[in-house]
PDB file of all heavy atoms in Angstrom:
ATOM      1  N   GLU A   1     -77.478   5.707  96.404  1.00  0.00           N
ATOM      2  CA  GLU A   1     -76.946   6.477  95.278  1.00  0.00           C
ATOM      3  C   GLU A   1     -75.501   6.922  95.493  1.00  0.00           C
ATOM      4  O   GLU A   1     -74.729   7.048  94.537  1.00  0.00           O
ATOM      5  CB  GLU A   1     -77.836   7.704  95.040  1.00  0.00           C
ATOM      6  CG  GLU A   1     -77.621   8.385  93.711  1.00  0.00           C
ATOM      7  CD  GLU A   1     -78.766   9.303  93.340  1.00  0.00           C
ATOM      8  OE1 GLU A   1     -79.177  10.118  94.195  1.00  0.00           O
ATOM      9  OE2 GLU A   1     -79.269   9.211  92.206  1.00  0.00           O
ATOM     10  N   ASN A   2     -75.120   7.146  96.750  1.00  0.00           N
ATOM     11  CA  ASN A   2     -73.806   7.728  97.035  1.00  0.00           C
ATOM     12  C   ASN A   2     -72.833   6.744  97.681  1.00  0.00           C
ATOM     13  O   ASN A   2     -71.850   7.167  98.284  1.00  0.00           O
ATOM     14  CB  ASN A   2     -73.967   8.943  97.960  1.00  0.00           C
ATOM     15  CG  ASN A   2     -74.803  10.046  97.343  1.00  0.00           C
ATOM     16  OD1 ASN A   2     -74.835  10.198  96.129  1.00  0.00           O
ATOM     17  ND2 ASN A   2     -75.489  10.810  98.174  1.00  0.00           N
ATOM     18  N   HIS A   3     -73.080   5.443  97.556  1.00  0.00           N
ATOM     19  CA  HIS A   3     -72.260   4.481  98.284  1.00  0.00           C
ATOM     20  C   HIS A   3     -70.998   4.039  97.552  1.00  0.00           C
ATOM     21  O   HIS A   3     -70.171   3.333  98.127  1.00  0.00           O
ATOM     22  CB  HIS A   3     -73.088   3.224  98.628  1.00  0.00           C
ATOM     23  CG  HIS A   3     -73.184   2.233  97.504  1.00  0.00           C
ATOM     24  ND1 HIS A   3     -74.171   2.292  96.541  1.00  0.00           N
ATOM     25  CD2 HIS A   3     -72.413   1.153  97.178  1.00  0.00           C
ATOM     26  CE1 HIS A   3     -74.005   1.291  95.692  1.00  0.00           C
ATOM     27  NE2 HIS A   3     -72.947   0.579  96.049  1.00  0.00           N
ATOM     28  N   LEU A   4     -70.822   4.445  96.318  1.00  0.00           N
ATOM     29  CA  LEU A   4     -69.700   3.941  95.524  1.00  0.00           C
ATOM     30  C   LEU A   4     -68.369   4.504  96.018  1.00  0.00           C
ATOM     31  O   LEU A   4     -68.140   5.714  95.971  1.00  0.00           O
ATOM     32  CB  LEU A   4     -69.899   4.278  94.055  1.00  0.00           C
ATOM     33  CG  LEU A   4     -71.144   3.659  93.392  1.00  0.00           C
ATOM     34  CD1 LEU A   4     -71.293   4.156  91.981  1.00  0.00           C
ATOM     35  CD2 LEU A   4     -71.055   2.144  93.428  1.00  0.00           C
ATOM     36  N   GLY A   5     -67.490   3.630  96.488  1.00  0.00           N
ATOM     37  CA  GLY A   5     -66.181   4.050  96.965  1.00  0.00           C
ATOM     38  C   GLY A   5     -66.305   5.029  98.110  1.00  0.00           C
ATOM     39  O   GLY A   5     -67.024   4.814  99.072  1.00  0.00           O
ATOM     40  N   ALA A   6     -65.591   6.137  97.986  1.00  0.00           N
ATOM     41  CA  ALA A   6     -65.693   7.211  98.973  1.00  0.00           C
ATOM     42  C   ALA A   6     -66.468   8.372  98.380  1.00  0.00           C
ATOM     43  O   ALA A   6     -66.330   9.512  98.800  1.00  0.00           O
ATOM     44  CB  ALA A   6     -64.296   7.654  99.409  1.00  0.00           C
ATOM     45  N   GLY A   7     -67.290   8.052  97.382  1.00  0.00           N
ATOM     46  CA  GLY A   7     -68.060   9.083  96.703  1.00  0.00           C
ATOM     47  C   GLY A   7     -67.410   9.487  95.387  1.00  0.00           C
ATOM     48  O   GLY A   7     -66.187   9.357  95.213  1.00  0.00           O
ATOM     49  N   ILE A   8     -68.209   9.983  94.476  1.00  0.00           N
ATOM     50  CA  ILE A   8     -67.712  10.394  93.164  1.00  0.00           C
ATOM     51  C   ILE A   8     -68.054  11.869  92.950  1.00  0.00           C
ATOM     52  O   ILE A   8     -69.239  12.238  92.929  1.00  0.00           O
ATOM     53  CB  ILE A   8     -68.356   9.558  92.039  1.00  0.00           C
ATOM     54  CG1 ILE A   8     -68.096   8.061  92.269  1.00  0.00           C
ATOM     55  CG2 ILE A   8     -67.820   9.984  90.675  1.00  0.00           C
ATOM     56  CD1 ILE A   8     -68.810   7.163  91.281  1.00  0.00           C
ATOM     57  N   PRO A   9     -67.050  12.739  92.821  1.00  0.00           N
ATOM     58  CA  PRO A   9     -67.334  14.156  92.566  1.00  0.00           C
ATOM     59  C   PRO A   9     -67.898  14.363  91.169  1.00  0.00           C
ATOM     60  O   PRO A   9     -67.762  13.508  90.287  1.00  0.00           O
ATOM     61  CB  PRO A   9     -65.970  14.827  92.724  1.00  0.00           C
ATOM     62  CG  PRO A   9     -64.976  13.739  92.485  1.00  0.00           C
ATOM     63  CD  PRO A   9     -65.604  12.467  92.946  1.00  0.00           C
ATOM     64  N   LYS A  10     -68.517  15.502  90.953  1.00  0.00           N
ATOM     65  CA  LYS A  10     -69.228  15.795  89.713  1.00  0.00           C
ATOM     66  C   LYS A  10     -68.345  15.639  88.477  1.00  0.00           C
ATOM     67  O   LYS A  10     -68.769  15.028  87.488  1.00  0.00           O
ATOM     68  CB  LYS A  10     -69.794  17.224  89.764  1.00  0.00           C
ATOM     69  CG  LYS A  10     -70.572  17.628  88.532  1.00  0.00           C
ATOM     70  CD  LYS A  10     -71.112  19.045  88.663  1.00  0.00           C
ATOM     71  CE  LYS A  10     -71.859  19.476  87.402  1.00  0.00           C
ATOM     72  NZ  LYS A  10     -72.378  20.872  87.534  1.00  0.00           N
ATOM     73  N   GLU A  11     -67.132  16.192  88.518  1.00  0.00           N
ATOM     74  CA  GLU A  11     -66.259  16.148  87.348  1.00  0.00           C
ATOM     75  C   GLU A  11     -65.932  14.707  86.958  1.00  0.00           C
ATOM     76  O   GLU A  11     -65.931  14.346  85.779  1.00  0.00           O
ATOM     77  CB  GLU A  11     -64.960  16.915  87.630  1.00  0.00           C
ATOM     78  CG  GLU A  11     -65.130  18.388  87.938  1.00  0.00           C
ATOM     79  CD  GLU A  11     -65.625  18.655  89.341  1.00  0.00           C
ATOM     80  OE1 GLU A  11     -65.604  17.712  90.178  1.00  0.00           O
ATOM     81  OE2 GLU A  11     -66.057  19.795  89.611  1.00  0.00           O
ATOM     82  N   GLU A  12     -65.668  13.884  87.979  1.00  0.00           N
ATOM     83  CA  GLU A  12     -65.350  12.483  87.727  1.00  0.00           C
ATOM     84  C   GLU A  12     -66.577  11.726  87.239  1.00  0.00           C
ATOM     85  O   GLU A  12     -66.475  10.841  86.379  1.00  0.00           O
ATOM     86  CB  GLU A  12     -64.801  11.851  89.002  1.00  0.00           C
ATOM     87  CG  GLU A  12     -64.169  10.491  88.800  1.00  0.00           C
ATOM     88  CD  GLU A  12     -63.500   9.979  90.059  1.00  0.00           C
ATOM     89  OE1 GLU A  12     -62.774  10.776  90.691  1.00  0.00           O
ATOM     90  OE2 GLU A  12     -63.703   8.789  90.409  1.00  0.00           O
ATOM     91  N   ALA A  13     -67.741  12.077  87.789  1.00  0.00           N
ATOM     92  CA  ALA A  13     -68.985  11.420  87.383  1.00  0.00           C
ATOM     93  C   ALA A  13     -69.243  11.636  85.895  1.00  0.00           C
ATOM     94  O   ALA A  13     -69.640  10.711  85.173  1.00  0.00           O
ATOM     95  CB  ALA A  13     -70.151  11.955  88.208  1.00  0.00           C
ATOM     96  N   GLU A  14     -68.998  12.855  85.419  1.00  0.00           N
ATOM     97  CA  GLU A  14     -69.194  13.154  83.995  1.00  0.00           C
ATOM     98  C   GLU A  14     -68.279  12.303  83.125  1.00  0.00           C
ATOM     99  O   GLU A  14     -68.693  11.788  82.083  1.00  0.00           O
ATOM    100  CB  GLU A  14     -68.945  14.638  83.740  1.00  0.00           C
ATOM    101  CG  GLU A  14     -70.023  15.558  84.304  1.00  0.00           C
ATOM    102  CD  GLU A  14     -69.806  17.006  83.895  1.00  0.00           C
ATOM    103  OE1 GLU A  14     -70.255  17.388  82.795  1.00  0.00           O
ATOM    104  OE2 GLU A  14     -69.190  17.740  84.679  1.00  0.00           O
ATOM    105  N   LYS A  15     -67.014  12.154  83.550  1.00  0.00           N
ATOM    106  CA  LYS A  15     -66.071  11.346  82.785  1.00  0.00           C
ATOM    107  C   LYS A  15     -66.489   9.883  82.739  1.00  0.00           C
ATOM    108  O   LYS A  15     -66.210   9.176  81.776  1.00  0.00           O
ATOM    109  CB  LYS A  15     -64.678  11.461  83.403  1.00  0.00           C
ATOM    110  CG  LYS A  15     -64.053  12.843  83.279  1.00  0.00           C
ATOM    111  CD  LYS A  15     -62.693  12.892  83.959  1.00  0.00           C
ATOM    112  CE  LYS A  15     -62.081  14.287  83.878  1.00  0.00           C
ATOM    113  NZ  LYS A  15     -60.772  14.342  84.591  1.00  0.00           N
ATOM    114  N   LEU A  16     -67.170   9.430  83.799  1.00  0.00           N
ATOM    115  CA  LEU A  16     -67.615   8.040  83.876  1.00  0.00           C
ATOM    116  C   LEU A  16     -68.951   7.813  83.173  1.00  0.00           C
ATOM    117  O   LEU A  16     -69.455   6.691  83.135  1.00  0.00           O
ATOM    118  CB  LEU A  16     -67.725   7.618  85.347  1.00  0.00           C
ATOM    119  CG  LEU A  16     -66.400   7.537  86.116  1.00  0.00           C
ATOM    120  CD1 LEU A  16     -66.673   7.370  87.609  1.00  0.00           C
ATOM    121  CD2 LEU A  16     -65.551   6.386  85.597  1.00  0.00           C
ATOM    122  N   GLY A  17     -69.533   8.886  82.635  1.00  0.00           N
ATOM    123  CA  GLY A  17     -70.795   8.762  81.922  1.00  0.00           C
ATOM    124  C   GLY A  17     -72.016   8.787  82.818  1.00  0.00           C
ATOM    125  O   GLY A  17     -73.126   8.435  82.376  1.00  0.00           O
ATOM    126  N   LEU A  18     -71.835   9.226  84.058  1.00  0.00           N
ATOM    127  CA  LEU A  18     -72.964   9.331  84.981  1.00  0.00           C
ATOM    128  C   LEU A  18     -73.601  10.708  84.867  1.00  0.00           C
ATOM    129  O   LEU A  18     -72.947  11.659  84.417  1.00  0.00           O
ATOM    130  CB  LEU A  18     -72.487   9.109  86.422  1.00  0.00           C
ATOM    131  CG  LEU A  18     -71.826   7.758  86.732  1.00  0.00           C
ATOM    132  CD1 LEU A  18     -71.311   7.749  88.160  1.00  0.00           C
ATOM    133  CD2 LEU A  18     -72.804   6.621  86.504  1.00  0.00           C
ATOM    134  N   PRO A  19     -74.859  10.851  85.251  1.00  0.00           N
ATOM    135  CA  PRO A  19     -75.475  12.179  85.268  1.00  0.00           C
ATOM    136  C   PRO A  19     -74.598  13.148  86.054  1.00  0.00           C
ATOM    137  O   PRO A  19     -74.102  12.792  87.137  1.00  0.00           O
ATOM    138  CB  PRO A  19     -76.817  11.932  85.968  1.00  0.00           C
ATOM    139  CG  PRO A  19     -77.138  10.505  85.645  1.00  0.00           C
ATOM    140  CD  PRO A  19     -75.808   9.787  85.658  1.00  0.00           C
ATOM    141  N   PRO A  20     -74.373  14.354  85.540  1.00  0.00           N
ATOM    142  CA  PRO A  20     -73.402  15.280  86.139  1.00  0.00           C
ATOM    143  C   PRO A  20     -73.854  15.890  87.466  1.00  0.00           C
ATOM    144  O   PRO A  20     -74.555  16.897  87.500  1.00  0.00           O
ATOM    145  CB  PRO A  20     -73.244  16.362  85.066  1.00  0.00           C
ATOM    146  CG  PRO A  20     -74.550  16.332  84.321  1.00  0.00           C
ATOM    147  CD  PRO A  20     -74.975  14.905  84.319  1.00  0.00           C
ATOM    148  N   ARG A  21     -73.448  15.268  88.544  1.00  0.00           N
ATOM    149  CA  ARG A  21     -73.668  15.818  89.877  1.00  0.00           C
ATOM    150  C   ARG A  21     -72.735  15.112  90.852  1.00  0.00           C
ATOM    151  O   ARG A  21     -72.086  14.124  90.502  1.00  0.00           O
ATOM    152  CB  ARG A  21     -75.124  15.655  90.308  1.00  0.00           C
ATOM    153  CG  ARG A  21     -75.552  14.259  90.718  1.00  0.00           C
ATOM    154  CD  ARG A  21     -76.915  14.328  91.391  1.00  0.00           C
ATOM    155  NE  ARG A  21     -77.304  13.143  92.107  1.00  0.00           N
ATOM    156  CZ  ARG A  21     -76.821  12.758  93.277  1.00  0.00           C
ATOM    157  NH1 ARG A  21     -75.852  13.437  93.847  1.00  0.00           N
ATOM    158  NH2 ARG A  21     -77.280  11.676  93.886  1.00  0.00           N
ATOM    159  N   ASP A  22     -72.656  15.618  92.067  1.00  0.00           N
ATOM    160  CA  ASP A  22     -71.828  14.980  93.091  1.00  0.00           C
ATOM    161  C   ASP A  22     -72.518  13.743  93.646  1.00  0.00           C
ATOM    162  O   ASP A  22     -73.712  13.781  93.960  1.00  0.00           O
ATOM    163  CB  ASP A  22     -71.553  15.957  94.240  1.00  0.00           C
ATOM    164  CG  ASP A  22     -70.469  16.966  93.894  1.00  0.00           C
ATOM    165  OD1 ASP A  22     -69.585  16.618  93.096  1.00  0.00           O
ATOM    166  OD2 ASP A  22     -70.505  18.085  94.423  1.00  0.00           O
ATOM    167  N   TYR A  23     -71.759  12.666  93.777  1.00  0.00           N
ATOM    168  CA  TYR A  23     -72.243  11.447  94.424  1.00  0.00           C
ATOM    169  C   TYR A  23     -71.357  11.207  95.655  1.00  0.00           C
ATOM    170  O   TYR A  23     -70.675  10.193  95.766  1.00  0.00           O
ATOM    171  CB  TYR A  23     -72.176  10.262  93.465  1.00  0.00           C
ATOM    172  CG  TYR A  23     -73.040  10.444  92.241  1.00  0.00           C
ATOM    173  CD1 TYR A  23     -72.535  11.093  91.115  1.00  0.00           C
ATOM    174  CD2 TYR A  23     -74.355   9.985  92.202  1.00  0.00           C
ATOM    175  CE1 TYR A  23     -73.327  11.284  89.988  1.00  0.00           C
ATOM    176  CE2 TYR A  23     -75.147  10.162  91.086  1.00  0.00           C
ATOM    177  CZ  TYR A  23     -74.629  10.818  89.979  1.00  0.00           C
ATOM    178  OH  TYR A  23     -75.406  11.009  88.864  1.00  0.00           O
ATOM    179  N   ILE A  24     -71.378  12.171  96.536  1.00  0.00           N
ATOM    180  CA  ILE A  24     -70.527  12.146  97.719  1.00  0.00           C
ATOM    181  C   ILE A  24     -71.381  11.868  98.955  1.00  0.00           C
ATOM    182  O   ILE A  24     -72.365  12.575  99.196  1.00  0.00           O
ATOM    183  CB  ILE A  24     -69.794  13.491  97.906  1.00  0.00           C
ATOM    184  CG1 ILE A  24     -68.976  13.844  96.659  1.00  0.00           C
ATOM    185  CG2 ILE A  24     -68.923  13.459  99.157  1.00  0.00           C
ATOM    186  CD1 ILE A  24     -67.799  12.946  96.422  1.00  0.00           C
ATOM    187  N   PRO A  25     -71.038  10.855  99.748  1.00  0.00           N
ATOM    188  CA  PRO A  25     -71.791  10.627 100.987  1.00  0.00           C
ATOM    189  C   PRO A  25     -71.578  11.790 101.951  1.00  0.00           C
ATOM    190  O   PRO A  25     -70.436  12.179 102.210  1.00  0.00           O
ATOM    191  CB  PRO A  25     -71.196   9.323 101.531  1.00  0.00           C
ATOM    192  CG  PRO A  25     -69.836   9.218 100.915  1.00  0.00           C
ATOM    193  CD  PRO A  25     -69.944   9.884  99.573  1.00  0.00           C
ATOM    194  N   LYS A  26     -72.673  12.339 102.470  1.00  0.00           N
ATOM    195  CA  LYS A  26     -72.572  13.535 103.314  1.00  0.00           C
ATOM    196  C   LYS A  26     -72.914  13.247 104.776  1.00  0.00           C
ATOM    197  O   LYS A  26     -72.218  13.701 105.671  1.00  0.00           O
ATOM    198  CB  LYS A  26     -73.477  14.644 102.766  1.00  0.00           C
ATOM    199  CG  LYS A  26     -73.070  15.143 101.382  1.00  0.00           C
ATOM    200  CD  LYS A  26     -73.977  16.273 100.924  1.00  0.00           C
ATOM    201  CE  LYS A  26     -73.494  16.845  99.578  1.00  0.00           C
ATOM    202  NZ  LYS A  26     -73.610  15.861  98.481  1.00  0.00           N
ATOM    203  N   THR A  27     -73.976  12.519 105.025  1.00  0.00           N
ATOM    204  CA  THR A  27     -74.346  12.257 106.410  1.00  0.00           C
ATOM    205  C   THR A  27     -73.498  11.126 106.983  1.00  0.00           C
ATOM    206  O   THR A  27     -72.870  10.353 106.243  1.00  0.00           O
ATOM    207  CB  THR A  27     -75.833  11.871 106.528  1.00  0.00           C
ATOM    208  OG1 THR A  27     -76.037  10.589 105.910  1.00  0.00           O
ATOM    209  CG2 THR A  27     -76.723  12.902 105.851  1.00  0.00           C
ATOM    210  N   LEU A  28     -73.494  11.036 108.292  1.00  0.00           N
ATOM    211  CA  LEU A  28     -72.726   9.982 108.952  1.00  0.00           C
ATOM    212  C   LEU A  28     -73.178   8.604 108.492  1.00  0.00           C
ATOM    213  O   LEU A  28     -72.342   7.718 108.242  1.00  0.00           O
ATOM    214  CB  LEU A  28     -72.879  10.120 110.474  1.00  0.00           C
ATOM    215  CG  LEU A  28     -72.136   9.108 111.341  1.00  0.00           C
ATOM    216  CD1 LEU A  28     -70.646   9.108 111.033  1.00  0.00           C
ATOM    217  CD2 LEU A  28     -72.395   9.402 112.814  1.00  0.00           C
ATOM    218  N   GLU A  29     -74.482   8.404 108.368  1.00  0.00           N
ATOM    219  CA  GLU A  29     -75.005   7.102 107.946  1.00  0.00           C
ATOM    220  C   GLU A  29     -74.558   6.754 106.533  1.00  0.00           C
ATOM    221  O   GLU A  29     -74.196   5.598 106.248  1.00  0.00           O
ATOM    222  CB  GLU A  29     -76.528   7.099 108.042  1.00  0.00           C
ATOM    223  CG  GLU A  29     -77.093   7.084 109.454  1.00  0.00           C
ATOM    224  CD  GLU A  29     -77.046   8.440 110.139  1.00  0.00           C
ATOM    225  OE1 GLU A  29     -76.741   9.454 109.468  1.00  0.00           O
ATOM    226  OE2 GLU A  29     -77.314   8.497 111.346  1.00  0.00           O
ATOM    227  N   GLU A  30     -74.573   7.724 105.638  1.00  0.00           N
ATOM    228  CA  GLU A  30     -74.105   7.490 104.269  1.00  0.00           C
ATOM    229  C   GLU A  30     -72.631   7.094 104.258  1.00  0.00           C
ATOM    230  O   GLU A  30     -72.211   6.168 103.544  1.00  0.00           O
ATOM    231  CB  GLU A  30     -74.283   8.755 103.428  1.00  0.00           C
ATOM    232  CG  GLU A  30     -75.723   9.130 103.112  1.00  0.00           C
ATOM    233  CD  GLU A  30     -75.800  10.451 102.370  1.00  0.00           C
ATOM    234  OE1 GLU A  30     -75.398  10.491 101.197  1.00  0.00           O
ATOM    235  OE2 GLU A  30     -76.246  11.448 102.976  1.00  0.00           O
ATOM    236  N   LYS A  31     -71.830   7.803 105.032  1.00  0.00           N
ATOM    237  CA  LYS A  31     -70.388   7.540 105.068  1.00  0.00           C
ATOM    238  C   LYS A  31     -70.095   6.154 105.630  1.00  0.00           C
ATOM    239  O   LYS A  31     -69.218   5.439 105.126  1.00  0.00           O
ATOM    240  CB  LYS A  31     -69.690   8.611 105.901  1.00  0.00           C
ATOM    241  CG  LYS A  31     -69.714   9.991 105.265  1.00  0.00           C
ATOM    242  CD  LYS A  31     -69.146  11.054 106.190  1.00  0.00           C
ATOM    243  CE  LYS A  31     -69.209  12.441 105.541  1.00  0.00           C
ATOM    244  NZ  LYS A  31     -68.701  13.499 106.450  1.00  0.00           N
ATOM    245  N   ILE A  32     -70.818   5.765 106.667  1.00  0.00           N
ATOM    246  CA  ILE A  32     -70.575   4.455 107.284  1.00  0.00           C
ATOM    247  C   ILE A  32     -70.869   3.326 106.303  1.00  0.00           C
ATOM    248  O   ILE A  32     -70.075   2.391 106.154  1.00  0.00           O
ATOM    249  CB  ILE A  32     -71.418   4.304 108.568  1.00  0.00           C
ATOM    250  CG1 ILE A  32     -70.857   5.192 109.671  1.00  0.00           C
ATOM    251  CG2 ILE A  32     -71.456   2.839 109.027  1.00  0.00           C
ATOM    252  CD1 ILE A  32     -71.702   5.235 110.930  1.00  0.00           C
ATOM    253  N   VAL A  33     -71.995   3.399 105.615  1.00  0.00           N
ATOM    254  CA  VAL A  33     -72.345   2.333 104.672  1.00  0.00           C
ATOM    255  C   VAL A  33     -71.358   2.304 103.504  1.00  0.00           C
ATOM    256  O   VAL A  33     -70.891   1.231 103.104  1.00  0.00           O
ATOM    257  CB  VAL A  33     -73.787   2.501 104.160  1.00  0.00           C
ATOM    258  CG1 VAL A  33     -74.078   1.475 103.057  1.00  0.00           C
ATOM    259  CG2 VAL A  33     -74.786   2.341 105.298  1.00  0.00           C
ATOM    260  N   ALA A  34     -71.026   3.467 102.973  1.00  0.00           N
ATOM    261  CA  ALA A  34     -70.088   3.520 101.849  1.00  0.00           C
ATOM    262  C   ALA A  34     -68.749   2.896 102.236  1.00  0.00           C
ATOM    263  O   ALA A  34     -68.166   2.111 101.481  1.00  0.00           O
ATOM    264  CB  ALA A  34     -69.886   4.966 101.394  1.00  0.00           C
ATOM    265  N   HIS A  35     -68.274   3.220 103.439  1.00  0.00           N
ATOM    266  CA  HIS A  35     -66.953   2.718 103.815  1.00  0.00           C
ATOM    267  C   HIS A  35     -66.993   1.255 104.241  1.00  0.00           C
ATOM    268  O   HIS A  35     -66.015   0.523 104.040  1.00  0.00           O
ATOM    269  CB  HIS A  35     -66.344   3.572 104.917  1.00  0.00           C
ATOM    270  CG  HIS A  35     -64.851   3.432 104.991  1.00  0.00           C
ATOM    271  ND1 HIS A  35     -64.036   3.584 103.886  1.00  0.00           N
ATOM    272  CD2 HIS A  35     -64.017   3.129 106.024  1.00  0.00           C
ATOM    273  CE1 HIS A  35     -62.770   3.396 104.224  1.00  0.00           C
ATOM    274  NE2 HIS A  35     -62.735   3.101 105.520  1.00  0.00           N
ATOM    275  N   ALA A  36     -68.091   0.826 104.823  1.00  0.00           N
ATOM    276  CA  ALA A  36     -68.218  -0.603 105.130  1.00  0.00           C
ATOM    277  C   ALA A  36     -68.118  -1.410 103.842  1.00  0.00           C
ATOM    278  O   ALA A  36     -67.490  -2.484 103.811  1.00  0.00           O
ATOM    279  CB  ALA A  36     -69.556  -0.865 105.829  1.00  0.00           C
ATOM    280  N   ASP A  37     -68.697  -0.904 102.772  1.00  0.00           N
ATOM    281  CA  ASP A  37     -68.610  -1.552 101.465  1.00  0.00           C
ATOM    282  C   ASP A  37     -67.161  -1.584 100.972  1.00  0.00           C
ATOM    283  O   ASP A  37     -66.705  -2.573 100.377  1.00  0.00           O
ATOM    284  CB  ASP A  37     -69.497  -0.804 100.473  1.00  0.00           C
ATOM    285  CG  ASP A  37     -69.710  -1.562  99.171  1.00  0.00           C
ATOM    286  OD1 ASP A  37     -69.757  -2.805  99.205  1.00  0.00           O
ATOM    287  OD2 ASP A  37     -69.837  -0.915  98.122  1.00  0.00           O
TER     288      ASP A  37
END
């Protein structure tokens, strides 16, 4: 859910038409996969 780019903050997610919440990778594993992408 949180792998897109370096994460999408809530305000930006709303503008993109996504459900309004943070899509920010928080754990080390989330960050590694997101950035490998």
